Amino acid sequence: MPDENTLPELTSLEQEVYSWQTTIEGFGEADQRKLKAASVMISRIGGLGGLVAYELAAAGIGKLILAHGGNLRPSDLNRQLLMSESALDTSRIDCAVKRLQELNPRLEIISLPENVNDTNAVELVAEADVVVDCAPLFEERFFMNREAVGQGKPLVECAIFELEAHITSFKPGITGCLQCLYPEKPDY
């Protein structure tokens, strides 16, 4: 993380947009500048990942790296908040990017219209300060875990199934990792 002297400045508009959160005790303008300098990679921007991306964009994160393949289906609309009915049968990632940029036009977004795989995980993780795993498949999760550990990046693993939610954070060199917790892909 850059020191306070090299952090990006907030524009007058950003100072106004984030004025509520910069007045919260323990989170001031310097912290907002750190958030503006930060980047987060999110796998899958559906129901869970879309909400994570939306909240980070609203909070003023500087850069999002998003990966999600496939086109929007009607059954996605009730739970994927970044999607819109007018985008049915088009790229999920394109719809999400449009919605996020409408929310925060200052946000830099790198988007990939495919799911995380063995080939793209290296570059996606390399772009981020923190990796947020919202993928439903353990194969994707293991690819991100491997790269997060190898590149020394924190990984936040999130999962929701029906009414059950899990969130676990891992920091290489300090905690175990996702594959330490789940050495094999669970049978479900």
Protein backbone atom coordinates (compact mmCIF):
# COMPACT_ATOMS: atom_id res chain seq x y z
CA MET A 1 0.00 0.00 0.00
CA PRO A 2 1.40 3.42 -0.90
CA ASP A 3 2.23 5.83 1.91
CA GLU A 4 -0.08 8.75 2.59
CA ASN A 5 2.02 11.13 0.47
CA THR A 6 1.61 8.99 -2.66
CA LEU A 7 -2.09 8.18 -2.27
CA PRO A 8 -4.41 9.61 -4.90
CA GLU A 9 -6.13 12.83 -3.92
CA LEU A 10 -9.91 13.02 -3.70
CA THR A 11 -11.61 15.40 -6.07
CA SER A 12 -14.09 17.87 -4.62
CA LEU A 13 -16.90 15.69 -6.00
CA GLU A 14 -15.41 12.60 -4.33
CA GLN A 15 -15.10 14.49 -1.05
CA GLU A 16 -18.82 15.26 -1.27
CA VAL A 17 -19.86 11.78 -2.45
CA TYR A 18 -17.96 10.06 0.39
CA SER A 19 -18.55 12.74 3.03
CA TRP A 20 -20.80 10.52 5.10
CA GLN A 21 -18.30 7.69 5.45
CA THR A 22 -15.23 9.88 5.91
CA THR A 23 -16.83 11.35 9.04
CA ILE A 24 -17.24 7.94 10.69
CA GLU A 25 -14.93 7.59 13.67
CA GLY A 26 -11.90 5.52 12.63
CA PHE A 27 -12.37 6.13 8.90
CA GLY A 28 -11.31 9.49 7.54
CA GLU A 29 -10.21 11.04 4.27
CA ALA A 30 -6.82 9.28 4.35
CA ASP A 31 -8.65 5.94 4.54
CA GLN A 32 -10.90 6.96 1.65
CA ARG A 33 -7.78 7.73 -0.36
CA LYS A 34 -6.43 4.25 0.50
CA LEU A 35 -9.70 2.77 -0.76
CA LYS A 36 -9.39 4.80 -3.97
CA ALA A 37 -5.87 3.37 -4.46
CA ALA A 38 -6.99 -0.22 -3.86
CA SER A 39 -8.03 -2.94 -6.30
CA VAL A 40 -10.23 -5.98 -5.73
CA MET A 41 -10.72 -8.98 -7.99
CA ILE A 42 -14.15 -10.62 -7.79
CA SER A 43 -14.93 -13.96 -9.35
CA ARG A 44 -18.51 -14.26 -10.52
CA ILE A 45 -20.64 -11.14 -10.27
CA GLY A 46 -23.97 -12.92 -9.86
CA GLY A 47 -26.08 -12.88 -6.70
CA LEU A 48 -23.26 -12.69 -4.15
CA GLY A 49 -20.40 -11.28 -6.21
CA GLY A 50 -22.63 -8.64 -7.77
CA LEU A 51 -23.57 -7.35 -4.34
CA VAL A 52 -19.89 -7.28 -3.29
CA ALA A 53 -18.97 -5.37 -6.47
CA TYR A 54 -21.86 -2.93 -6.01
CA GLU A 55 -20.96 -2.14 -2.39
CA LEU A 56 -17.27 -1.70 -3.19
CA ALA A 57 -18.11 0.60 -6.12
CA ALA A 58 -20.43 2.65 -3.92
CA ALA A 59 -17.79 2.87 -1.18
CA GLY A 60 -15.22 4.27 -3.62
CA ILE A 61 -12.85 1.40 -4.43
CA GLY A 62 -10.46 2.50 -7.16
CA LYS A 63 -10.40 -0.60 -9.36
CA LEU A 64 -12.44 -3.77 -9.76
CA ILE A 65 -11.29 -6.81 -11.70
CA LEU A 66 -14.35 -8.88 -12.62
CA ALA A 67 -14.65 -12.34 -14.19
CA HIS A 68 -17.93 -13.99 -15.12
CA GLY A 69 -18.86 -15.89 -18.24
CA GLY A 70 -22.18 -16.44 -19.93
CA ASN A 71 -25.26 -14.53 -20.89
CA LEU A 72 -28.03 -13.25 -18.66
CA ARG A 73 -31.04 -15.56 -18.24
CA PRO A 74 -34.48 -14.73 -16.84
CA SER A 75 -33.82 -16.89 -13.76
CA ASP A 76 -30.88 -14.60 -12.87
CA LEU A 77 -32.99 -11.46 -12.52
CA ASN A 78 -34.42 -12.05 -9.04
CA ARG A 79 -31.04 -12.34 -7.33
CA GLN A 80 -28.39 -10.68 -9.50
CA LEU A 81 -28.68 -7.00 -8.64
CA LEU A 82 -26.31 -5.75 -11.34
CA MET A 83 -28.46 -7.27 -14.08
CA SER A 84 -31.41 -5.77 -15.90
CA GLU A 85 -34.25 -7.27 -17.87
CA SER A 86 -33.30 -5.24 -20.93
CA ALA A 87 -29.99 -7.16 -21.01
CA LEU A 88 -31.50 -10.66 -21.26
CA ASP A 89 -29.51 -12.95 -23.57
CA THR A 90 -26.51 -10.59 -23.52
CA SER A 91 -23.23 -10.80 -21.63
CA ARG A 92 -23.59 -10.73 -17.85
CA ILE A 93 -20.25 -9.00 -17.49
CA ASP A 94 -21.19 -6.21 -19.92
CA CYS A 95 -24.43 -5.56 -18.06
CA ALA A 96 -22.62 -5.51 -14.70
CA VAL A 97 -19.92 -3.13 -15.94
CA LYS A 98 -22.54 -0.74 -17.29
CA ARG A 99 -24.46 -0.72 -14.00
CA LEU A 100 -21.31 -0.26 -11.91
CA GLN A 101 -20.10 2.62 -14.07
CA GLU A 102 -23.51 4.28 -13.78
CA LEU A 103 -23.13 4.04 -10.00
CA ASN A 104 -19.50 5.20 -9.93
CA PRO A 105 -18.10 6.61 -13.19
CA ARG A 106 -14.73 7.18 -11.50
CA LEU A 107 -14.27 3.44 -11.00
CA GLU A 108 -11.71 1.62 -13.15
CA ILE A 109 -13.02 -1.79 -14.23
CA ILE A 110 -11.16 -4.63 -15.87
CA SER A 111 -13.68 -7.22 -17.02
CA LEU A 112 -13.34 -10.69 -18.44
CA PRO A 113 -16.37 -12.42 -19.98
CA GLU A 114 -15.32 -15.85 -18.74
CA ASN A 115 -15.13 -17.67 -15.46
CA VAL A 116 -11.84 -18.03 -13.61
CA ASN A 117 -9.84 -20.96 -14.93
CA ASP A 118 -6.35 -22.41 -14.80
CA THR A 119 -5.23 -20.13 -17.63
CA ASN A 120 -6.56 -16.72 -16.58
CA ALA A 121 -6.22 -16.95 -12.77
CA VAL A 122 -2.58 -15.79 -12.76
CA GLU A 123 -3.30 -12.48 -14.52
CA LEU A 124 -6.58 -11.78 -12.74
CA VAL A 125 -5.07 -12.21 -9.27
CA ALA A 126 -1.97 -10.23 -10.28
CA GLU A 127 -4.16 -7.16 -10.98
CA ALA A 128 -5.63 -7.10 -7.46
CA ASP A 129 -4.65 -6.21 -3.93
CA VAL A 130 -7.38 -8.52 -2.57
CA VAL A 131 -9.22 -11.46 -4.16
CA VAL A 132 -12.91 -12.09 -3.40
CA ASP A 133 -14.05 -15.57 -4.32
CA CYS A 134 -17.78 -15.76 -5.06
CA ALA A 135 -17.53 -18.71 -7.46
CA PRO A 136 -19.97 -21.59 -6.97
CA LEU A 137 -17.53 -24.24 -8.21
CA PHE A 138 -14.57 -25.45 -6.19
CA GLU A 139 -12.40 -25.83 -9.28
CA GLU A 140 -12.53 -22.05 -9.78
CA ARG A 141 -11.99 -21.45 -6.08
CA PHE A 142 -8.91 -23.66 -6.04
CA PHE A 143 -7.41 -21.78 -9.03
CA MET A 144 -7.85 -18.45 -7.21
CA ASN A 145 -6.56 -19.91 -3.96
CA ARG A 146 -3.44 -21.24 -5.67
CA GLU A 147 -2.68 -17.85 -7.18
CA ALA A 148 -3.55 -15.86 -4.05
CA VAL A 149 -1.17 -18.00 -2.02
CA GLY A 150 1.53 -17.92 -4.71
CA GLN A 151 1.26 -14.15 -5.15
CA GLY A 152 0.85 -13.39 -1.44
CA LYS A 153 -2.62 -11.84 -1.85
CA PRO A 154 -5.40 -12.00 0.76
CA LEU A 155 -8.39 -14.10 -0.29
CA VAL A 156 -11.93 -13.63 0.98
CA GLU A 157 -13.98 -16.72 0.25
CA CYS A 158 -17.76 -16.24 0.20
CA ALA A 159 -20.52 -18.74 -0.40
CA ILE A 160 -24.29 -18.81 -0.13
CA PHE A 161 -26.52 -21.81 -0.58
CA GLU A 162 -30.23 -21.40 0.02
CA LEU A 163 -30.34 -19.69 3.46
CA GLU A 164 -26.83 -20.62 4.57
CA ALA A 165 -23.89 -18.25 4.14
CA HIS A 166 -20.16 -18.66 4.73
CA ILE A 167 -17.34 -16.13 4.67
CA THR A 168 -13.74 -16.93 5.41
CA SER A 169 -10.63 -14.81 4.96
CA PHE A 170 -7.13 -16.08 4.31
CA LYS A 171 -3.84 -14.21 4.39
CA PRO A 172 -0.82 -16.04 2.99
CA GLY A 173 1.91 -16.50 5.56
CA ILE A 174 -0.44 -15.78 8.45
CA THR A 175 -3.40 -18.15 8.08
CA GLY A 176 -4.05 -21.37 6.25
CA CYS A 177 -5.65 -21.26 2.81
CA LEU A 178 -8.85 -22.44 1.15
CA GLN A 179 -7.28 -25.73 0.11
CA CYS A 180 -6.00 -26.17 3.67
CA LEU A 181 -9.62 -25.93 4.82
CA TYR A 182 -10.94 -28.08 1.94
CA PRO A 183 -8.10 -30.33 0.72
CA GLU A 184 -10.48 -32.00 -1.75
CA LYS A 185 -13.49 -30.70 -3.59
CA PRO A 186 -16.50 -31.42 -1.35
CA ASP A 187 -19.18 -33.80 -2.59
CA TYR A 188 -22.43 -31.86 -2.83
